[in-house]
N, C-alpha and C. Protein backbone atom coordinates (compact mmCIF):
# COMPACT_ATOMS: atom_id res chain seq x y z
N MET A 1 7.27 10.31 21.41
CA MET A 1 6.26 10.09 20.14
C MET A 1 5.95 11.53 19.59
N LYS A 2 6.00 11.50 18.11
CA LYS A 2 5.73 12.78 17.55
C LYS A 2 4.17 13.13 17.47
N LEU A 3 3.81 14.47 17.39
CA LEU A 3 2.51 14.84 17.29
C LEU A 3 1.74 14.46 16.01
N TRP A 4 0.63 14.15 16.07
CA TRP A 4 -0.22 13.74 14.91
C TRP A 4 -1.47 14.40 14.90
N SER A 5 -2.09 14.74 13.84
CA SER A 5 -3.47 15.09 13.64
C SER A 5 -3.86 14.86 12.35
N PRO A 6 -5.22 14.42 12.07
CA PRO A 6 -5.53 14.29 10.56
C PRO A 6 -5.83 15.79 9.88
N ALA A 7 -5.64 16.83 10.60
CA ALA A 7 -5.74 18.22 10.08
C ALA A 7 -4.48 18.78 9.61
N LEU A 8 -3.25 17.93 10.10
CA LEU A 8 -1.89 18.33 9.72
C LEU A 8 -1.50 17.55 8.28
N PRO A 9 -0.69 18.18 7.56
CA PRO A 9 -0.24 17.57 6.27
C PRO A 9 0.48 16.36 6.56
N PRO A 10 0.66 15.42 5.62
CA PRO A 10 1.40 14.21 5.76
C PRO A 10 2.69 14.48 6.47
N ARG A 11 3.06 13.50 7.42
CA ARG A 11 4.36 13.77 8.13
C ARG A 11 5.59 13.57 7.20
N PRO A 12 6.53 14.21 7.50
CA PRO A 12 7.92 14.16 6.66
C PRO A 12 8.27 12.78 6.52
N ALA A 13 8.13 11.92 7.45
CA ALA A 13 8.73 10.51 7.12
C ALA A 13 7.80 9.59 6.53
N CYS A 14 6.63 10.15 5.97
CA CYS A 14 5.54 9.36 5.35
C CYS A 14 6.09 8.69 4.22
N PRO A 15 6.04 7.20 4.09
CA PRO A 15 6.54 6.52 3.09
C PRO A 15 5.75 6.42 1.69
N HIS A 16 4.69 7.16 1.66
CA HIS A 16 3.86 6.88 0.69
C HIS A 16 4.45 6.93 -0.69
N ARG A 17 5.10 7.91 -1.26
CA ARG A 17 5.73 7.88 -2.40
C ARG A 17 6.76 6.85 -2.65
N ARG A 18 7.41 6.50 -1.65
CA ARG A 18 8.57 5.43 -1.66
C ARG A 18 7.60 3.86 -1.95
N LEU A 19 6.68 3.83 -1.24
CA LEU A 19 5.75 2.56 -1.46
C LEU A 19 5.32 2.50 -2.92
N ARG A 20 4.70 3.66 -3.39
CA ARG A 20 4.19 3.80 -4.68
C ARG A 20 5.31 3.22 -5.79
N ARG A 21 6.52 3.95 -5.52
CA ARG A 21 7.66 3.47 -6.33
C ARG A 21 8.11 1.88 -6.26
N ILE A 22 8.15 1.47 -5.17
CA ILE A 22 8.53 0.18 -4.89
C ILE A 22 7.39 -0.66 -5.37
N LEU A 23 6.22 -0.53 -5.23
CA LEU A 23 4.97 -1.42 -5.56
C LEU A 23 4.99 -1.30 -7.13
N GLY A 24 5.01 -0.17 -7.70
CA GLY A 24 5.20 -0.04 -9.11
C GLY A 24 6.26 -0.98 -9.85
N GLY A 25 7.48 -1.17 -9.15
CA GLY A 25 8.51 -2.23 -9.64
C GLY A 25 8.17 -3.47 -9.41
N ALA A 26 7.46 -3.75 -8.40
CA ALA A 26 7.17 -5.13 -8.01
C ALA A 26 5.86 -5.77 -8.57
N LEU A 27 5.19 -4.83 -9.49
CA LEU A 27 3.83 -5.43 -9.91
C LEU A 27 4.31 -6.11 -11.39
N PRO A 28 3.68 -7.18 -11.76
CA PRO A 28 3.87 -7.98 -12.87
C PRO A 28 3.28 -7.12 -14.16
N GLU A 29 3.95 -7.55 -15.29
CA GLU A 29 3.55 -6.73 -16.46
C GLU A 29 1.97 -7.01 -16.72
N GLY A 30 1.39 -5.90 -17.06
CA GLY A 30 0.04 -5.78 -17.28
C GLY A 30 -0.83 -5.33 -16.18
N ILE A 31 -0.26 -5.02 -15.00
CA ILE A 31 -0.82 -4.33 -13.96
C ILE A 31 -0.22 -2.96 -13.67
N THR A 32 -1.04 -1.97 -13.65
CA THR A 32 -0.55 -0.65 -13.39
C THR A 32 -1.28 0.11 -12.35
N ILE A 33 -0.50 0.87 -11.56
CA ILE A 33 -1.31 1.77 -10.63
C ILE A 33 -1.91 2.90 -11.22
N ASP A 34 -3.03 3.11 -10.95
CA ASP A 34 -3.77 4.22 -11.55
C ASP A 34 -3.94 5.31 -10.40
N THR A 35 -4.47 5.04 -9.27
CA THR A 35 -4.54 6.02 -8.20
C THR A 35 -4.00 5.61 -6.87
N SER A 36 -3.60 6.58 -5.93
CA SER A 36 -3.21 6.04 -4.70
C SER A 36 -3.71 7.02 -3.73
N LEU A 37 -4.19 6.61 -2.54
CA LEU A 37 -4.71 7.26 -1.53
C LEU A 37 -3.98 7.21 -0.01
N LEU A 38 -3.60 8.09 0.62
CA LEU A 38 -3.07 7.90 1.84
C LEU A 38 -4.04 8.34 2.91
N HIS A 39 -4.24 7.49 4.00
CA HIS A 39 -5.12 7.57 5.05
C HIS A 39 -4.22 7.57 6.52
N PRO A 40 -3.93 8.71 7.05
CA PRO A 40 -3.09 8.65 8.24
C PRO A 40 -4.22 8.04 9.34
N TRP A 41 -3.46 7.49 10.41
CA TRP A 41 -4.25 7.10 11.57
C TRP A 41 -3.33 6.98 12.75
N ALA A 42 -3.73 7.02 14.01
CA ALA A 42 -3.11 6.78 15.21
C ALA A 42 -3.95 6.25 16.12
N SER A 43 -3.21 5.58 17.07
CA SER A 43 -3.86 4.96 18.01
C SER A 43 -3.22 5.29 19.36
N ALA A 44 -3.45 4.76 20.67
CA ALA A 44 -2.92 5.08 21.84
C ALA A 44 -1.41 4.77 21.84
N ASN A 45 -1.06 3.70 20.93
CA ASN A 45 0.32 3.48 21.03
C ASN A 45 1.27 3.49 19.60
N PHE A 46 0.43 3.65 18.49
CA PHE A 46 0.94 3.66 17.22
C PHE A 46 0.56 4.95 16.42
N VAL A 47 1.59 5.23 15.56
CA VAL A 47 1.11 6.20 14.64
C VAL A 47 1.44 5.60 13.12
N GLY A 48 0.65 5.73 12.20
CA GLY A 48 0.98 5.13 10.98
C GLY A 48 -0.04 5.71 9.83
N ALA A 49 -0.25 4.92 8.78
CA ALA A 49 -0.95 5.03 7.70
C ALA A 49 -1.41 4.05 6.88
N ARG A 50 -2.54 4.15 6.19
CA ARG A 50 -3.18 3.12 5.22
C ARG A 50 -2.87 3.80 3.92
N HIS A 51 -2.28 3.00 3.02
CA HIS A 51 -1.73 3.34 1.74
C HIS A 51 -2.68 2.41 0.81
N ILE A 52 -3.64 3.13 0.00
CA ILE A 52 -4.38 2.30 -0.87
C ILE A 52 -4.10 2.83 -2.32
N PHE A 53 -3.79 1.69 -3.18
CA PHE A 53 -3.32 1.70 -4.59
C PHE A 53 -4.48 1.10 -5.40
N THR A 54 -5.03 1.91 -6.42
CA THR A 54 -6.02 1.12 -7.08
C THR A 54 -5.16 0.88 -8.55
N CYS A 55 -5.45 -0.38 -8.89
CA CYS A 55 -4.71 -0.85 -10.19
C CYS A 55 -5.59 -1.22 -11.17
N SER A 56 -5.13 -1.18 -12.34
CA SER A 56 -5.86 -1.80 -13.48
C SER A 56 -5.20 -3.21 -13.91
N VAL A 57 -5.94 -3.91 -14.37
CA VAL A 57 -5.33 -5.14 -14.89
C VAL A 57 -5.68 -5.33 -16.37
N ALA A 58 -4.67 -5.47 -17.20
CA ALA A 58 -4.85 -5.58 -18.53
C ALA A 58 -5.57 -6.91 -19.01
N SER A 59 -5.14 -7.83 -18.45
CA SER A 59 -5.64 -9.28 -18.89
C SER A 59 -7.05 -9.60 -18.41
N GLY A 60 -7.65 -9.04 -17.43
CA GLY A 60 -8.94 -9.25 -17.08
C GLY A 60 -8.99 -10.45 -16.11
N ALA A 61 -7.92 -11.14 -15.78
CA ALA A 61 -7.83 -12.31 -14.96
C ALA A 61 -7.44 -11.73 -13.53
N ASN A 62 -8.11 -11.00 -12.89
CA ASN A 62 -7.88 -10.34 -11.70
C ASN A 62 -7.97 -11.31 -10.48
N GLY A 63 -8.79 -12.39 -10.64
CA GLY A 63 -8.81 -13.45 -9.47
C GLY A 63 -7.49 -14.08 -9.28
N VAL A 64 -7.02 -14.61 -10.33
CA VAL A 64 -5.66 -15.26 -10.17
C VAL A 64 -4.50 -14.20 -9.76
N GLN A 65 -4.63 -13.05 -10.42
CA GLN A 65 -3.54 -11.99 -10.13
C GLN A 65 -3.57 -11.52 -8.81
N ARG A 66 -4.96 -11.45 -8.23
CA ARG A 66 -5.20 -11.08 -6.71
C ARG A 66 -4.40 -12.06 -5.83
N ALA A 67 -4.64 -13.27 -6.05
CA ALA A 67 -4.06 -14.38 -5.16
C ALA A 67 -2.53 -14.45 -5.35
N ILE A 68 -2.04 -14.26 -6.45
CA ILE A 68 -0.43 -14.26 -6.68
C ILE A 68 -0.07 -13.08 -5.93
N LEU A 69 -0.38 -11.75 -6.19
CA LEU A 69 -0.04 -10.58 -5.62
C LEU A 69 0.02 -10.58 -4.09
N GLU A 70 -1.24 -11.03 -3.65
CA GLU A 70 -1.18 -11.13 -2.17
C GLU A 70 -0.17 -12.00 -1.50
N ALA A 71 0.07 -13.05 -2.04
CA ALA A 71 1.30 -14.11 -1.66
C ALA A 71 2.46 -13.26 -1.81
N GLU A 72 2.75 -12.67 -2.81
CA GLU A 72 4.09 -12.18 -3.26
C GLU A 72 4.38 -10.90 -2.37
N LEU A 73 3.32 -10.10 -2.32
CA LEU A 73 3.55 -8.66 -1.64
C LEU A 73 3.50 -8.91 -0.15
N GLY A 74 2.79 -9.90 0.42
CA GLY A 74 2.73 -10.23 1.81
C GLY A 74 4.17 -10.88 2.40
N ALA A 75 4.75 -11.58 1.41
CA ALA A 75 6.17 -12.20 1.80
C ALA A 75 7.24 -11.35 1.54
N ARG A 76 7.15 -10.19 0.78
CA ARG A 76 8.20 -9.26 0.45
C ARG A 76 8.70 -8.63 1.79
N ASP A 77 10.00 -8.29 1.56
CA ASP A 77 10.72 -7.57 2.61
C ASP A 77 10.68 -6.12 2.25
N TRP A 78 9.87 -5.20 2.86
CA TRP A 78 9.78 -3.82 2.47
C TRP A 78 10.79 -2.98 3.15
N ALA A 79 11.69 -2.36 2.37
CA ALA A 79 12.85 -1.52 3.16
C ALA A 79 12.43 -0.25 3.12
N LEU A 80 11.74 0.17 4.40
CA LEU A 80 11.33 1.47 4.50
C LEU A 80 12.01 2.01 5.94
N ALA A 81 12.91 2.90 5.79
CA ALA A 81 13.57 3.43 6.89
C ALA A 81 12.64 4.09 7.91
N GLY A 82 12.67 3.82 9.16
CA GLY A 82 11.69 4.26 10.22
C GLY A 82 10.30 3.66 10.09
N GLN A 83 9.88 2.84 9.14
CA GLN A 83 8.64 2.22 9.11
C GLN A 83 8.56 0.84 8.99
N ILE A 84 7.31 0.28 9.42
CA ILE A 84 7.19 -1.21 9.40
C ILE A 84 6.01 -1.41 8.69
N VAL A 85 5.92 -2.26 7.68
CA VAL A 85 4.92 -2.69 6.96
C VAL A 85 4.04 -3.77 7.86
N ALA A 86 3.07 -3.24 8.41
CA ALA A 86 2.31 -4.31 9.27
C ALA A 86 1.42 -5.24 8.49
N ASP A 87 0.93 -4.83 7.44
CA ASP A 87 -0.27 -5.76 6.58
C ASP A 87 -0.30 -5.22 5.23
N VAL A 88 -0.51 -6.29 4.39
CA VAL A 88 -0.67 -6.08 2.99
C VAL A 88 -1.95 -6.79 2.67
N ALA A 89 -2.77 -6.15 1.89
CA ALA A 89 -4.05 -6.91 1.32
C ALA A 89 -4.24 -6.55 -0.08
N VAL A 90 -4.87 -7.47 -0.69
CA VAL A 90 -5.10 -7.29 -2.18
C VAL A 90 -6.64 -7.75 -2.40
N ASP A 91 -7.37 -6.73 -2.96
CA ASP A 91 -8.83 -7.16 -3.18
C ASP A 91 -9.12 -6.73 -4.57
N ALA A 92 -10.30 -7.51 -5.22
CA ALA A 92 -10.62 -7.27 -6.52
C ALA A 92 -11.77 -6.43 -6.44
N ASP A 93 -11.64 -5.13 -6.86
CA ASP A 93 -12.75 -4.32 -6.92
C ASP A 93 -13.78 -4.44 -8.06
N ARG A 94 -13.38 -4.67 -9.18
CA ARG A 94 -14.32 -4.75 -10.17
C ARG A 94 -13.51 -5.76 -11.22
N ASP A 95 -14.03 -6.24 -12.26
CA ASP A 95 -13.47 -7.11 -13.16
C ASP A 95 -12.21 -6.65 -13.67
N ASP A 96 -11.92 -5.41 -13.88
CA ASP A 96 -10.49 -4.89 -14.38
C ASP A 96 -9.65 -4.13 -13.41
N ARG A 97 -10.05 -4.34 -12.09
CA ARG A 97 -9.44 -3.53 -10.94
C ARG A 97 -8.92 -4.30 -9.93
N LEU A 98 -7.88 -3.90 -9.24
CA LEU A 98 -7.38 -4.45 -8.04
C LEU A 98 -7.17 -3.32 -6.98
N ARG A 99 -7.36 -3.55 -5.90
CA ARG A 99 -7.12 -2.81 -4.81
C ARG A 99 -6.11 -3.23 -3.84
N ILE A 100 -4.97 -2.54 -3.76
CA ILE A 100 -3.71 -3.04 -2.82
C ILE A 100 -3.71 -2.06 -1.69
N GLU A 101 -3.83 -2.55 -0.53
CA GLU A 101 -3.83 -1.80 0.81
C GLU A 101 -2.61 -2.21 1.49
N ILE A 102 -1.80 -1.15 1.83
CA ILE A 102 -0.71 -1.49 2.71
C ILE A 102 -0.69 -0.66 3.94
N LEU A 103 -0.63 -1.23 5.05
CA LEU A 103 -0.51 -0.54 6.41
C LEU A 103 0.85 -0.44 7.02
N THR A 104 1.07 0.78 7.36
CA THR A 104 2.64 1.12 7.84
C THR A 104 2.32 1.70 9.16
N VAL A 105 3.35 1.34 10.13
CA VAL A 105 3.47 2.01 11.35
C VAL A 105 4.81 2.36 11.59
N GLU A 106 4.95 3.61 12.18
CA GLU A 106 6.10 4.36 12.37
C GLU A 106 6.93 3.47 13.40
N ASP A 107 8.13 3.23 12.98
CA ASP A 107 9.24 2.29 13.99
C ASP A 107 9.76 3.25 15.17
């Protein structure tokens, strides 16, 4: 197991940029990624990260978009070398915003 600390910079194998690129290509027209955050975490058995992407919705119909995205992204086969996507959640923050959270675990 590799050493991990919240005080250290992101790990070299961190898939955050790859996830942002893949997610950007998977989002339907009218939804764009505004900001993204990375929250590293570790437990006694696993090392991983929470990747949070805040998206704006052009149409304002984020209730429908949220349900569609959660189904599509949850069923997607995420090709990330050395990483496992453990969970994908999509929440509506405000009437024109979506929050996509992807939990990864090092393989």
